[in-house]
Amino acid sequence: MIIRTRHFPPCGFKAITLFPVIFYKGDRVSESDLRHETVHLWQQAALLIVPFYILYIIFWIVGLLRYHDSYRAYREIPFERSAYALESLPRQTWWRQAFGWVRELGRIRNLPKDCNGGCA
């Protein structure tokens, strides 16, 4: 289910998935954003929903302590790295990639300097 809102998600983000709903703000959700959020639906279902949110928060806190930058902490969450990698792939491949985020554990990427210090 996809729901358009005016003020949610906050802080410059365009969309957020809270199983089983994708919330977006703006006139429309792009195909790329919809694919990204759908990947999160698969991830949440694969982890039986609640563990996904617990791990997501833990990964974000660890990233925040490590990088001292909330946006970089967000981009380094394995679920996000996996979703960004999968958002350009055909939908048929997503079910095979439900645990693709596991491969992202321990990988550190070099983000462009303009990604530091702010929301998406």
Protein backbone atom coordinates (compact mmCIF):
# COMPACT_ATOMS: atom_id res chain seq x y z
CA MET A 1 0.00 0.00 0.00
CA ILE A 2 1.31 3.47 -0.89
CA ILE A 3 0.12 6.59 0.94
CA ARG A 4 0.88 10.19 0.03
CA THR A 5 1.38 12.56 2.98
CA ARG A 6 2.26 16.22 3.40
CA HIS A 7 4.72 16.17 6.31
CA PHE A 8 5.97 12.60 6.66
CA PRO A 9 8.71 11.43 6.26
CA PRO A 10 10.61 14.29 7.91
CA CYS A 11 14.02 15.88 7.36
CA GLY A 12 14.21 15.96 3.57
CA PHE A 13 13.54 12.28 2.94
CA LYS A 14 11.09 11.57 0.12
CA ALA A 15 9.72 8.21 1.25
CA ILE A 16 9.74 5.74 4.13
CA THR A 17 8.50 2.18 4.50
CA LEU A 18 6.75 1.09 7.67
CA PHE A 19 5.59 -2.42 6.89
CA PRO A 20 3.29 -2.85 4.99
CA VAL A 21 2.92 0.80 3.93
CA ILE A 22 5.14 3.07 1.85
CA PHE A 23 4.65 6.72 2.82
CA TYR A 24 5.84 9.46 0.49
CA LYS A 25 5.52 13.21 0.29
CA GLY A 26 5.32 15.28 -2.81
CA ASP A 27 3.22 15.11 -5.93
CA ARG A 28 4.32 11.62 -6.89
CA VAL A 29 6.83 8.93 -5.98
CA SER A 30 9.49 8.21 -8.59
CA GLU A 31 10.02 4.70 -9.94
CA SER A 32 13.48 4.64 -8.40
CA ASP A 33 12.18 5.65 -4.96
CA LEU A 34 9.34 3.15 -5.21
CA ARG A 35 11.78 0.34 -6.06
CA HIS A 36 14.05 1.41 -3.18
CA GLU A 37 11.17 1.33 -0.70
CA THR A 38 9.89 -1.97 -2.09
CA VAL A 39 13.30 -3.48 -1.41
CA HIS A 40 12.81 -2.40 2.21
CA LEU A 41 9.44 -4.18 2.25
CA TRP A 42 11.21 -7.39 1.19
CA GLN A 43 13.91 -6.86 3.81
CA GLN A 44 11.33 -6.28 6.54
CA ALA A 45 9.34 -9.35 5.56
CA ALA A 46 12.48 -11.51 5.37
CA LEU A 47 13.41 -10.52 8.93
CA LEU A 48 9.83 -10.82 10.25
CA ILE A 49 9.46 -7.03 10.58
CA VAL A 50 10.45 -6.19 14.19
CA PRO A 51 14.05 -7.46 13.99
CA PHE A 52 14.51 -5.29 10.88
CA TYR A 53 13.69 -2.13 12.85
CA ILE A 54 15.86 -3.15 15.80
CA LEU A 55 18.84 -3.83 13.52
CA TYR A 56 18.19 -0.67 11.51
CA ILE A 57 18.36 1.48 14.65
CA ILE A 58 21.45 -0.35 15.94
CA PHE A 59 23.23 0.09 12.58
CA TRP A 60 22.34 3.80 12.53
CA ILE A 61 23.57 4.38 16.11
CA VAL A 62 26.83 2.53 15.40
CA GLY A 63 27.29 4.62 12.25
CA LEU A 64 26.55 7.82 14.13
CA LEU A 65 29.16 6.95 16.78
CA ARG A 66 31.62 5.99 14.07
CA TYR A 67 31.16 8.87 11.61
CA HIS A 68 29.65 11.67 13.77
CA ASP A 69 27.39 12.44 10.80
CA SER A 70 23.73 11.43 10.75
CA TYR A 71 23.46 11.36 6.95
CA ARG A 72 26.56 9.22 6.52
CA ALA A 73 25.33 6.94 9.33
CA TYR A 74 22.07 6.55 7.38
CA ARG A 75 23.84 5.85 4.07
CA GLU A 76 26.12 3.25 5.71
CA ILE A 77 23.22 1.18 7.12
CA PRO A 78 23.53 -2.20 5.35
CA PHE A 79 19.79 -2.20 4.53
CA GLU A 80 20.14 1.18 2.81
CA ARG A 81 23.26 0.23 0.88
CA SER A 82 21.51 -2.91 -0.33
CA ALA A 83 18.33 -1.00 -1.28
CA TYR A 84 20.32 1.63 -3.19
CA ALA A 85 22.17 -1.14 -5.02
CA LEU A 86 18.95 -3.01 -5.87
CA GLU A 87 16.73 -0.06 -6.80
CA SER A 88 17.94 -0.14 -10.39
CA LEU A 89 17.43 -3.89 -10.86
CA PRO A 90 14.28 -5.56 -12.21
CA ARG A 91 11.71 -6.50 -9.59
CA GLN A 92 12.09 -10.24 -10.33
CA THR A 93 15.58 -10.24 -8.82
CA TRP A 94 14.57 -8.71 -5.47
CA TRP A 95 13.29 -11.89 -3.86
CA ARG A 96 16.69 -13.50 -4.46
CA GLN A 97 18.37 -10.51 -2.86
CA ALA A 98 16.30 -10.32 0.35
CA PHE A 99 19.43 -10.89 2.42
CA GLY A 100 21.77 -8.93 0.16
CA TRP A 101 22.23 -6.47 3.02
CA VAL A 102 24.26 -9.14 4.85
CA ARG A 103 27.03 -8.72 2.26
CA GLU A 104 27.14 -5.03 3.13
CA LEU A 105 28.15 -5.70 6.74
CA GLY A 106 31.68 -4.57 7.37
CA ARG A 107 32.04 -2.68 4.10
CA ILE A 108 33.05 0.96 4.39
CA ARG A 109 32.42 3.18 1.43
CA ASN A 110 33.95 6.53 0.59
CA LEU A 111 31.04 8.93 0.15
CA PRO A 112 31.48 12.20 -1.72
CA LYS A 113 32.31 15.08 0.63
CA ASP A 114 29.01 16.82 -0.19
CA CYS A 115 27.10 13.95 1.47
CA ASN A 116 28.43 14.85 4.91
CA GLY A 117 26.50 16.86 7.43
CA GLY A 118 22.87 16.78 6.39
CA CYS A 119 19.70 14.99 5.51
CA ALA A 120 19.04 13.43 2.12
